[in-house]
PDB file of all heavy atoms in Angstrom:
ATOM      1  N   LEU A   1     -22.487  87.682  95.631  1.00  0.00           N
ATOM      2  CA  LEU A   1     -21.843  88.602  94.694  1.00  0.00           C
ATOM      3  C   LEU A   1     -21.902  87.996  93.297  1.00  0.00           C
ATOM      4  O   LEU A   1     -21.660  86.792  93.119  1.00  0.00           O
ATOM      5  CB  LEU A   1     -20.397  88.860  95.100  1.00  0.00           C
ATOM      6  CG  LEU A   1     -19.625  89.899  94.276  1.00  0.00           C
ATOM      7  CD1 LEU A   1     -18.691  90.714  95.175  1.00  0.00           C
ATOM      8  CD2 LEU A   1     -18.805  89.236  93.160  1.00  0.00           C
ATOM      9  N   VAL A   2     -22.231  88.831  92.311  1.00  0.00           N
ATOM     10  CA  VAL A   2     -22.257  88.382  90.926  1.00  0.00           C
ATOM     11  C   VAL A   2     -21.342  89.296  90.113  1.00  0.00           C
ATOM     12  O   VAL A   2     -21.269  90.498  90.358  1.00  0.00           O
ATOM     13  CB  VAL A   2     -23.691  88.382  90.351  1.00  0.00           C
ATOM     14  CG1 VAL A   2     -24.297  89.778  90.351  1.00  0.00           C
ATOM     15  CG2 VAL A   2     -23.712  87.762  88.952  1.00  0.00           C
ATOM     16  N   MET A   3     -20.618  88.721  89.151  1.00  0.00           N
ATOM     17  CA  MET A   3     -19.578  89.441  88.423  1.00  0.00           C
ATOM     18  C   MET A   3     -19.716  89.192  86.925  1.00  0.00           C
ATOM     19  O   MET A   3     -19.945  88.056  86.491  1.00  0.00           O
ATOM     20  CB  MET A   3     -18.205  88.951  88.911  1.00  0.00           C
ATOM     21  CG  MET A   3     -17.050  89.327  88.036  1.00  0.00           C
ATOM     22  SD  MET A   3     -16.690  91.066  88.116  1.00  0.00           S
ATOM     23  CE  MET A   3     -14.931  91.059  87.922  1.00  0.00           C
ATOM     24  N   PHE A   4     -19.561  90.269  86.134  1.00  0.00           N
ATOM     25  CA  PHE A   4     -19.581  90.147  84.680  1.00  0.00           C
ATOM     26  C   PHE A   4     -18.594  91.150  84.095  1.00  0.00           C
ATOM     27  O   PHE A   4     -18.602  92.324  84.466  1.00  0.00           O
ATOM     28  CB  PHE A   4     -20.985  90.400  84.130  1.00  0.00           C
ATOM     29  CG  PHE A   4     -21.143  90.038  82.679  1.00  0.00           C
ATOM     30  CD1 PHE A   4     -20.899  88.749  82.249  1.00  0.00           C
ATOM     31  CD2 PHE A   4     -21.538  90.992  81.752  1.00  0.00           C
ATOM     32  CE1 PHE A   4     -21.041  88.403  80.909  1.00  0.00           C
ATOM     33  CE2 PHE A   4     -21.681  90.655  80.414  1.00  0.00           C
ATOM     34  CZ  PHE A   4     -21.441  89.362  79.987  1.00  0.00           C
ATOM     35  N   HIS A   5     -17.739  90.688  83.181  1.00  0.00           N
ATOM     36  CA  HIS A   5     -16.628  91.490  82.647  1.00  0.00           C
ATOM     37  C   HIS A   5     -16.469  91.136  81.170  1.00  0.00           C
ATOM     38  O   HIS A   5     -16.316  89.969  80.823  1.00  0.00           O
ATOM     39  CB  HIS A   5     -15.367  91.148  83.463  1.00  0.00           C
ATOM     40  CG  HIS A   5     -14.104  91.759  82.965  1.00  0.00           C
ATOM     41  ND1 HIS A   5     -12.858  91.307  83.369  1.00  0.00           N
ATOM     42  CD2 HIS A   5     -13.841  92.769  82.105  1.00  0.00           C
ATOM     43  CE1 HIS A   5     -11.921  92.008  82.798  1.00  0.00           C
ATOM     44  NE2 HIS A   5     -12.485  92.903  82.011  1.00  0.00           N
ATOM     45  N   TRP A   6     -16.541  92.143  80.305  1.00  0.00           N
ATOM     46  CA  TRP A   6     -16.468  91.881  78.882  1.00  0.00           C
ATOM     47  C   TRP A   6     -15.708  92.999  78.170  1.00  0.00           C
ATOM     48  O   TRP A   6     -15.452  94.051  78.729  1.00  0.00           O
ATOM     49  CB  TRP A   6     -17.869  91.735  78.291  1.00  0.00           C
ATOM     50  CG  TRP A   6     -18.704  92.994  78.275  1.00  0.00           C
ATOM     51  CD1 TRP A   6     -18.958  93.819  77.226  1.00  0.00           C
ATOM     52  CD2 TRP A   6     -19.410  93.568  79.387  1.00  0.00           C
ATOM     53  NE1 TRP A   6     -19.763  94.862  77.599  1.00  0.00           N
ATOM     54  CE2 TRP A   6     -20.066  94.736  78.923  1.00  0.00           C
ATOM     55  CE3 TRP A   6     -19.560  93.207  80.736  1.00  0.00           C
ATOM     56  CZ2 TRP A   6     -20.829  95.554  79.751  1.00  0.00           C
ATOM     57  CZ3 TRP A   6     -20.334  94.026  81.558  1.00  0.00           C
ATOM     58  CH2 TRP A   6     -20.959  95.169  81.060  1.00  0.00           C
ATOM     59  N   GLY A   7     -15.309  92.734  76.918  1.00  0.00           N
ATOM     60  CA  GLY A   7     -14.576  93.749  76.177  1.00  0.00           C
ATOM     61  C   GLY A   7     -13.759  93.144  75.061  1.00  0.00           C
ATOM     62  O   GLY A   7     -14.008  92.015  74.615  1.00  0.00           O
ATOM     63  N   ILE A   8     -12.744  93.908  74.584  1.00  0.00           N
ATOM     64  CA  ILE A   8     -11.850  93.433  73.539  1.00  0.00           C
ATOM     65  C   ILE A   8     -10.409  93.708  73.956  1.00  0.00           C
ATOM     66  O   ILE A   8     -10.151  94.509  74.860  1.00  0.00           O
ATOM     67  CB  ILE A   8     -12.123  94.101  72.170  1.00  0.00           C
ATOM     68  CG1 ILE A   8     -11.802  95.608  72.230  1.00  0.00           C
ATOM     69  CG2 ILE A   8     -13.539  93.862  71.716  1.00  0.00           C
ATOM     70  CD1 ILE A   8     -11.759  96.279  70.879  1.00  0.00           C
ATOM     71  N   ASN A   9      -9.477  93.070  73.269  1.00  0.00           N
ATOM     72  CA  ASN A   9      -8.053  93.265  73.500  1.00  0.00           C
ATOM     73  C   ASN A   9      -7.321  93.218  72.165  1.00  0.00           C
ATOM     74  O   ASN A   9      -7.759  92.557  71.219  1.00  0.00           O
ATOM     75  CB  ASN A   9      -7.474  92.156  74.394  1.00  0.00           C
ATOM     76  CG  ASN A   9      -8.258  91.970  75.662  1.00  0.00           C
ATOM     77  OD1 ASN A   9      -8.088  92.689  76.627  1.00  0.00           O
ATOM     78  ND2 ASN A   9      -9.140  90.975  75.665  1.00  0.00           N
ATOM     79  N   ASN A  10      -6.214  93.955  72.089  1.00  0.00           N
ATOM     80  CA  ASN A  10      -5.224  93.750  71.024  1.00  0.00           C
ATOM     81  C   ASN A  10      -5.771  93.959  69.611  1.00  0.00           C
ATOM     82  O   ASN A  10      -5.648  93.094  68.749  1.00  0.00           O
ATOM     83  CB  ASN A  10      -4.608  92.354  71.135  1.00  0.00           C
ATOM     84  CG  ASN A  10      -3.914  92.141  72.463  1.00  0.00           C
ATOM     85  OD1 ASN A  10      -3.420  93.085  73.068  1.00  0.00           O
ATOM     86  ND2 ASN A  10      -3.873  90.906  72.928  1.00  0.00           N
ATOM     87  N   GLN A  11      -6.349  95.130  69.376  1.00  0.00           N
ATOM     88  CA  GLN A  11      -6.770  95.467  68.020  1.00  0.00           C
ATOM     89  C   GLN A  11      -5.767  96.435  67.395  1.00  0.00           C
ATOM     90  O   GLN A  11      -5.469  97.489  67.965  1.00  0.00           O
ATOM     91  CB  GLN A  11      -8.161  96.100  67.995  1.00  0.00           C
ATOM     92  CG  GLN A  11      -8.658  96.349  66.573  1.00  0.00           C
ATOM     93  CD  GLN A  11      -9.940  97.144  66.506  1.00  0.00           C
ATOM     94  OE1 GLN A  11     -10.360  97.728  67.502  1.00  0.00           O
ATOM     95  NE2 GLN A  11     -10.561  97.178  65.346  1.00  0.00           N
ATOM     96  N   THR A  12      -5.236  96.067  66.227  1.00  0.00           N
ATOM     97  CA  THR A  12      -4.309  96.913  65.495  1.00  0.00           C
ATOM     98  C   THR A  12      -4.915  97.258  64.130  1.00  0.00           C
ATOM     99  O   THR A  12      -6.026  96.837  63.806  1.00  0.00           O
ATOM    100  CB  THR A  12      -2.961  96.206  65.275  1.00  0.00           C
ATOM    101  OG1 THR A  12      -3.114  95.200  64.264  1.00  0.00           O
ATOM    102  CG2 THR A  12      -2.461  95.570  66.557  1.00  0.00           C
ATOM    103  N   PHE A  13      -4.144  97.961  63.322  1.00  0.00           N
ATOM    104  CA  PHE A  13      -4.617  98.302  61.983  1.00  0.00           C
ATOM    105  C   PHE A  13      -4.643  97.101  61.053  1.00  0.00           C
ATOM    106  O   PHE A  13      -5.196  97.170  59.946  1.00  0.00           O
ATOM    107  CB  PHE A  13      -3.738  99.407  61.365  1.00  0.00           C
ATOM    108  CG  PHE A  13      -2.344  98.976  61.009  1.00  0.00           C
ATOM    109  CD1 PHE A  13      -2.039  98.522  59.732  1.00  0.00           C
ATOM    110  CD2 PHE A  13      -1.324  99.029  61.948  1.00  0.00           C
ATOM    111  CE1 PHE A  13      -0.750  98.127  59.406  1.00  0.00           C
ATOM    112  CE2 PHE A  13      -0.037  98.642  61.622  1.00  0.00           C
ATOM    113  CZ  PHE A  13       0.254  98.184  60.354  1.00  0.00           C
ATOM    114  N   ILE A  14      -4.085  95.980  61.501  1.00  0.00           N
ATOM    115  CA  ILE A  14      -3.982  94.813  60.626  1.00  0.00           C
ATOM    116  C   ILE A  14      -4.593  93.549  61.220  1.00  0.00           C
ATOM    117  O   ILE A  14      -4.866  92.598  60.501  1.00  0.00           O
ATOM    118  CB  ILE A  14      -2.498  94.558  60.258  1.00  0.00           C
ATOM    119  CG1 ILE A  14      -2.377  93.635  59.041  1.00  0.00           C
ATOM    120  CG2 ILE A  14      -1.721  93.979  61.432  1.00  0.00           C
ATOM    121  CD1 ILE A  14      -0.966  93.486  58.536  1.00  0.00           C
ATOM    122  N   ASN A  15      -4.805  93.505  62.526  1.00  0.00           N
ATOM    123  CA  ASN A  15      -5.356  92.288  63.121  1.00  0.00           C
ATOM    124  C   ASN A  15      -6.158  92.612  64.373  1.00  0.00           C
ATOM    125  O   ASN A  15      -6.208  93.749  64.828  1.00  0.00           O
ATOM    126  CB  ASN A  15      -4.248  91.273  63.433  1.00  0.00           C
ATOM    127  CG  ASN A  15      -3.136  91.868  64.267  1.00  0.00           C
ATOM    128  OD1 ASN A  15      -3.366  92.686  65.145  1.00  0.00           O
ATOM    129  ND2 ASN A  15      -1.905  91.452  63.993  1.00  0.00           N
ATOM    130  N   GLY A  16      -6.793  91.576  64.915  1.00  0.00           N
ATOM    131  CA  GLY A  16      -7.596  91.726  66.118  1.00  0.00           C
ATOM    132  C   GLY A  16      -9.071  91.888  65.860  1.00  0.00           C
ATOM    133  O   GLY A  16      -9.871  91.957  66.784  1.00  0.00           O
ATOM    134  N   GLY A  17      -9.455  91.957  64.572  1.00  0.00           N
ATOM    135  CA  GLY A  17     -10.858  92.180  64.232  1.00  0.00           C
ATOM    136  C   GLY A  17     -11.551  90.930  63.749  1.00  0.00           C
ATOM    137  O   GLY A  17     -11.272  89.822  64.192  1.00  0.00           O
ATOM    138  N   THR A  18     -12.436  91.106  62.799  1.00  0.00           N
ATOM    139  CA  THR A  18     -13.223  90.001  62.286  1.00  0.00           C
ATOM    140  C   THR A  18     -12.324  88.923  61.697  1.00  0.00           C
ATOM    141  O   THR A  18     -11.467  89.234  60.868  1.00  0.00           O
ATOM    142  CB  THR A  18     -14.202  90.501  61.208  1.00  0.00           C
ATOM    143  OG1 THR A  18     -15.023  91.519  61.775  1.00  0.00           O
ATOM    144  CG2 THR A  18     -15.079  89.376  60.692  1.00  0.00           C
ATOM    145  N   PRO A  19     -12.486  87.671  62.107  1.00  0.00           N
ATOM    146  CA  PRO A  19     -11.614  86.612  61.590  1.00  0.00           C
ATOM    147  C   PRO A  19     -11.949  86.242  60.148  1.00  0.00           C
ATOM    148  O   PRO A  19     -13.018  86.551  59.638  1.00  0.00           O
ATOM    149  CB  PRO A  19     -11.894  85.446  62.541  1.00  0.00           C
ATOM    150  CG  PRO A  19     -13.303  85.679  62.998  1.00  0.00           C
ATOM    151  CD  PRO A  19     -13.450  87.178  63.091  1.00  0.00           C
ATOM    152  N   GLY A  20     -11.020  85.577  59.497  1.00  0.00           N
ATOM    153  CA  GLY A  20     -11.292  85.000  58.184  1.00  0.00           C
ATOM    154  C   GLY A  20     -10.754  85.783  57.014  1.00  0.00           C
ATOM    155  O   GLY A  20     -10.752  85.300  55.889  1.00  0.00           O
ATOM    156  N   GLY A  21     -10.263  87.009  57.225  1.00  0.00           N
ATOM    157  CA  GLY A  21      -9.754  87.811  56.114  1.00  0.00           C
ATOM    158  C   GLY A  21      -8.243  87.786  56.060  1.00  0.00           C
ATOM    159  O   GLY A  21      -7.571  87.179  56.875  1.00  0.00           O
ATOM    160  N   THR A  22      -7.707  88.435  55.043  1.00  0.00           N
ATOM    161  CA  THR A  22      -6.277  88.672  54.953  1.00  0.00           C
ATOM    162  C   THR A  22      -6.056  90.164  54.833  1.00  0.00           C
ATOM    163  O   THR A  22      -6.984  90.913  54.559  1.00  0.00           O
ATOM    164  CB  THR A  22      -5.669  87.950  53.737  1.00  0.00           C
ATOM    165  OG1 THR A  22      -6.328  88.403  52.554  1.00  0.00           O
ATOM    166  CG2 THR A  22      -5.824  86.448  53.861  1.00  0.00           C
ATOM    167  N   ALA A  23      -4.837  90.604  55.058  1.00  0.00           N
ATOM    168  CA  ALA A  23      -4.560  92.034  55.101  1.00  0.00           C
ATOM    169  C   ALA A  23      -5.041  92.729  53.831  1.00  0.00           C
ATOM    170  O   ALA A  23      -4.626  92.393  52.729  1.00  0.00           O
ATOM    171  CB  ALA A  23      -3.061  92.261  55.291  1.00  0.00           C
ATOM    172  N   GLY A  24      -5.921  93.714  53.981  1.00  0.00           N
ATOM    173  CA  GLY A  24      -6.395  94.504  52.859  1.00  0.00           C
ATOM    174  C   GLY A  24      -7.535  93.875  52.084  1.00  0.00           C
ATOM    175  O   GLY A  24      -8.005  94.455  51.106  1.00  0.00           O
ATOM    176  N   PHE A  25      -7.999  92.683  52.488  1.00  0.00           N
ATOM    177  CA  PHE A  25      -9.043  92.002  51.744  1.00  0.00           C
ATOM    178  C   PHE A  25     -10.167  91.578  52.692  1.00  0.00           C
ATOM    179  O   PHE A  25     -10.111  91.770  53.895  1.00  0.00           O
ATOM    180  CB  PHE A  25      -8.478  90.773  51.011  1.00  0.00           C
ATOM    181  CG  PHE A  25      -7.421  91.123  50.005  1.00  0.00           C
ATOM    182  CD1 PHE A  25      -6.077  91.052  50.351  1.00  0.00           C
ATOM    183  CD2 PHE A  25      -7.756  91.544  48.734  1.00  0.00           C
ATOM    184  CE1 PHE A  25      -5.094  91.379  49.438  1.00  0.00           C
ATOM    185  CE2 PHE A  25      -6.780  91.875  47.817  1.00  0.00           C
ATOM    186  CZ  PHE A  25      -5.441  91.790  48.154  1.00  0.00           C
ATOM    187  N   GLY A  26     -11.216  91.007  52.107  1.00  0.00           N
ATOM    188  CA  GLY A  26     -12.330  90.536  52.909  1.00  0.00           C
ATOM    189  C   GLY A  26     -13.372  91.625  53.095  1.00  0.00           C
ATOM    190  O   GLY A  26     -13.155  92.798  52.787  1.00  0.00           O
ATOM    191  N   ALA A  27     -14.533  91.240  53.618  1.00  0.00           N
ATOM    192  CA  ALA A  27     -15.649  92.174  53.767  1.00  0.00           C
ATOM    193  C   ALA A  27     -15.303  93.321  54.708  1.00  0.00           C
ATOM    194  O   ALA A  27     -15.675  94.469  54.470  1.00  0.00           O
ATOM    195  CB  ALA A  27     -16.874  91.423  54.268  1.00  0.00           C
ATOM    196  N   ASN A  28     -14.607  93.016  55.776  1.00  0.00           N
ATOM    197  CA  ASN A  28     -14.262  94.040  56.753  1.00  0.00           C
ATOM    198  C   ASN A  28     -12.760  94.232  56.893  1.00  0.00           C
ATOM    199  O   ASN A  28     -12.298  95.300  57.279  1.00  0.00           O
ATOM    200  CB  ASN A  28     -14.833  93.685  58.135  1.00  0.00           C
ATOM    201  CG  ASN A  28     -16.347  93.613  58.131  1.00  0.00           C
ATOM    202  OD1 ASN A  28     -17.006  94.498  57.620  1.00  0.00           O
ATOM    203  ND2 ASN A  28     -16.888  92.543  58.694  1.00  0.00           N
ATOM    204  N   GLY A  29     -11.990  93.215  56.581  1.00  0.00           N
ATOM    205  CA  GLY A  29     -10.552  93.273  56.831  1.00  0.00           C
ATOM    206  C   GLY A  29     -10.251  92.725  58.204  1.00  0.00           C
ATOM    207  O   GLY A  29     -11.058  92.861  59.137  1.00  0.00           O
ATOM    208  N   PRO A  30      -9.104  92.090  58.395  1.00  0.00           N
ATOM    209  CA  PRO A  30      -8.810  91.400  59.655  1.00  0.00           C
ATOM    210  C   PRO A  30      -8.568  92.319  60.839  1.00  0.00           C
ATOM    211  O   PRO A  30      -8.494  91.857  61.961  1.00  0.00           O
ATOM    212  CB  PRO A  30      -7.550  90.592  59.320  1.00  0.00           C
ATOM    213  CG  PRO A  30      -6.909  91.366  58.218  1.00  0.00           C
ATOM    214  CD  PRO A  30      -8.032  91.938  57.407  1.00  0.00           C
ATOM    215  N   GLY A  31      -8.434  93.630  60.615  1.00  0.00           N
ATOM    216  CA  GLY A  31      -8.221  94.539  61.733  1.00  0.00           C
ATOM    217  C   GLY A  31      -9.470  95.277  62.172  1.00  0.00           C
ATOM    218  O   GLY A  31      -9.422  96.044  63.121  1.00  0.00           O
ATOM    219  N   LYS A  32     -10.608  95.041  61.500  1.00  0.00           N
ATOM    220  CA  LYS A  32     -11.807  95.835  61.746  1.00  0.00           C
ATOM    221  C   LYS A  32     -12.878  95.067  62.499  1.00  0.00           C
ATOM    222  O   LYS A  32     -12.985  93.851  62.412  1.00  0.00           O
ATOM    223  CB  LYS A  32     -12.399  96.326  60.424  1.00  0.00           C
ATOM    224  CG  LYS A  32     -11.471  97.187  59.591  1.00  0.00           C
ATOM    225  CD  LYS A  32     -12.126  97.521  58.247  1.00  0.00           C
ATOM    226  CE  LYS A  32     -11.166  98.243  57.324  1.00  0.00           C
ATOM    227  NZ  LYS A  32     -11.765  98.445  55.983  1.00  0.00           N
ATOM    228  N   LYS A  33     -13.691  95.800  63.235  1.00  0.00           N
ATOM    229  CA  LYS A  33     -14.906  95.312  63.882  1.00  0.00           C
ATOM    230  C   LYS A  33     -14.692  94.083  64.759  1.00  0.00           C
ATOM    231  O   LYS A  33     -15.265  93.008  64.522  1.00  0.00           O
ATOM    232  CB  LYS A  33     -15.986  95.044  62.831  1.00  0.00           C
ATOM    233  CG  LYS A  33     -16.363  96.290  62.028  1.00  0.00           C
ATOM    234  CD  LYS A  33     -17.435  96.014  61.001  1.00  0.00           C
ATOM    235  CE  LYS A  33     -17.755  97.281  60.211  1.00  0.00           C
ATOM    236  NZ  LYS A  33     -18.775  97.037  59.157  1.00  0.00           N
ATOM    237  N   PRO A  34     -13.854  94.196  65.766  1.00  0.00           N
ATOM    238  CA  PRO A  34     -13.670  93.049  66.675  1.00  0.00           C
ATOM    239  C   PRO A  34     -14.949  92.756  67.440  1.00  0.00           C
ATOM    240  O   PRO A  34     -15.766  93.647  67.677  1.00  0.00           O
ATOM    241  CB  PRO A  34     -12.559  93.531  67.611  1.00  0.00           C
ATOM    242  CG  PRO A  34     -12.692  95.024  67.606  1.00  0.00           C
ATOM    243  CD  PRO A  34     -13.102  95.380  66.201  1.00  0.00           C
ATOM    244  N   GLN A  35     -15.108  91.525  67.830  1.00  0.00           N
ATOM    245  CA  GLN A  35     -16.293  91.122  68.576  1.00  0.00           C
ATOM    246  C   GLN A  35     -16.001  91.129  70.068  1.00  0.00           C
ATOM    247  O   GLN A  35     -14.986  90.603  70.511  1.00  0.00           O
ATOM    248  CB  GLN A  35     -16.749  89.729  68.141  1.00  0.00           C
ATOM    249  CG  GLN A  35     -17.229  89.669  66.704  1.00  0.00           C
ATOM    250  CD  GLN A  35     -17.744  88.300  66.319  1.00  0.00           C
ATOM    251  OE1 GLN A  35     -17.676  87.357  67.118  1.00  0.00           O
ATOM    252  NE2 GLN A  35     -18.266  88.170  65.116  1.00  0.00           N
ATOM    253  N   LEU A  36     -16.911  91.734  70.841  1.00  0.00           N
ATOM    254  CA  LEU A  36     -16.786  91.694  72.295  1.00  0.00           C
ATOM    255  C   LEU A  36     -16.882  90.253  72.775  1.00  0.00           C
ATOM    256  O   LEU A  36     -17.632  89.450  72.216  1.00  0.00           O
ATOM    257  CB  LEU A  36     -17.895  92.510  72.949  1.00  0.00           C
ATOM    258  CG  LEU A  36     -17.961  94.009  72.631  1.00  0.00           C
ATOM    259  CD1 LEU A  36     -19.207  94.619  73.264  1.00  0.00           C
ATOM    260  CD2 LEU A  36     -16.725  94.722  73.144  1.00  0.00           C
ATOM    261  N   PHE A  37     -16.109  89.919  73.820  1.00  0.00           N
ATOM    262  CA  PHE A  37     -16.240  88.588  74.395  1.00  0.00           C
ATOM    263  C   PHE A  37     -16.173  88.678  75.917  1.00  0.00           C
ATOM    264  O   PHE A  37     -15.700  89.662  76.482  1.00  0.00           O
ATOM    265  CB  PHE A  37     -15.161  87.633  73.854  1.00  0.00           C
ATOM    266  CG  PHE A  37     -13.767  87.902  74.348  1.00  0.00           C
ATOM    267  CD1 PHE A  37     -13.279  87.274  75.485  1.00  0.00           C
ATOM    268  CD2 PHE A  37     -12.938  88.783  73.672  1.00  0.00           C
ATOM    269  CE1 PHE A  37     -11.991  87.514  75.936  1.00  0.00           C
ATOM    270  CE2 PHE A  37     -11.645  89.025  74.106  1.00  0.00           C
ATOM    271  CZ  PHE A  37     -11.172  88.386  75.243  1.00  0.00           C
ATOM    272  N   VAL A  38     -16.651  87.635  76.559  1.00  0.00           N
ATOM    273  CA  VAL A  38     -16.740  87.590  78.018  1.00  0.00           C
ATOM    274  C   VAL A  38     -15.373  87.259  78.601  1.00  0.00           C
ATOM    275  O   VAL A  38     -14.725  86.289  78.195  1.00  0.00           O
ATOM    276  CB  VAL A  38     -17.782  86.557  78.473  1.00  0.00           C
ATOM    277  CG1 VAL A  38     -17.779  86.427  79.995  1.00  0.00           C
ATOM    278  CG2 VAL A  38     -19.164  86.942  77.973  1.00  0.00           C
ATOM    279  N   HIS A  39     -14.926  88.065  79.554  1.00  0.00           N
ATOM    280  CA  HIS A  39     -13.708  87.781  80.299  1.00  0.00           C
ATOM    281  C   HIS A  39     -14.033  87.043  81.599  1.00  0.00           C
ATOM    282  O   HIS A  39     -13.391  86.049  81.923  1.00  0.00           O
ATOM    283  CB  HIS A  39     -12.968  89.085  80.621  1.00  0.00           C
ATOM    284  CG  HIS A  39     -12.331  89.737  79.437  1.00  0.00           C
ATOM    285  ND1 HIS A  39     -13.056  90.254  78.390  1.00  0.00           N
ATOM    286  CD2 HIS A  39     -11.029  89.955  79.129  1.00  0.00           C
ATOM    287  CE1 HIS A  39     -12.227  90.769  77.492  1.00  0.00           C
ATOM    288  NE2 HIS A  39     -10.997  90.597  77.908  1.00  0.00           N
TER     289      HIS A  39
END
């Protein structure tokens, strides 16, 4: 048996997205465009 599980969790209008920004600033903003990761 082989198993693979991926996705995102906990995205809000202010956090959960691309790291490195602050609220309302940055290229995407900290709540936008989260990256899928392996569970």
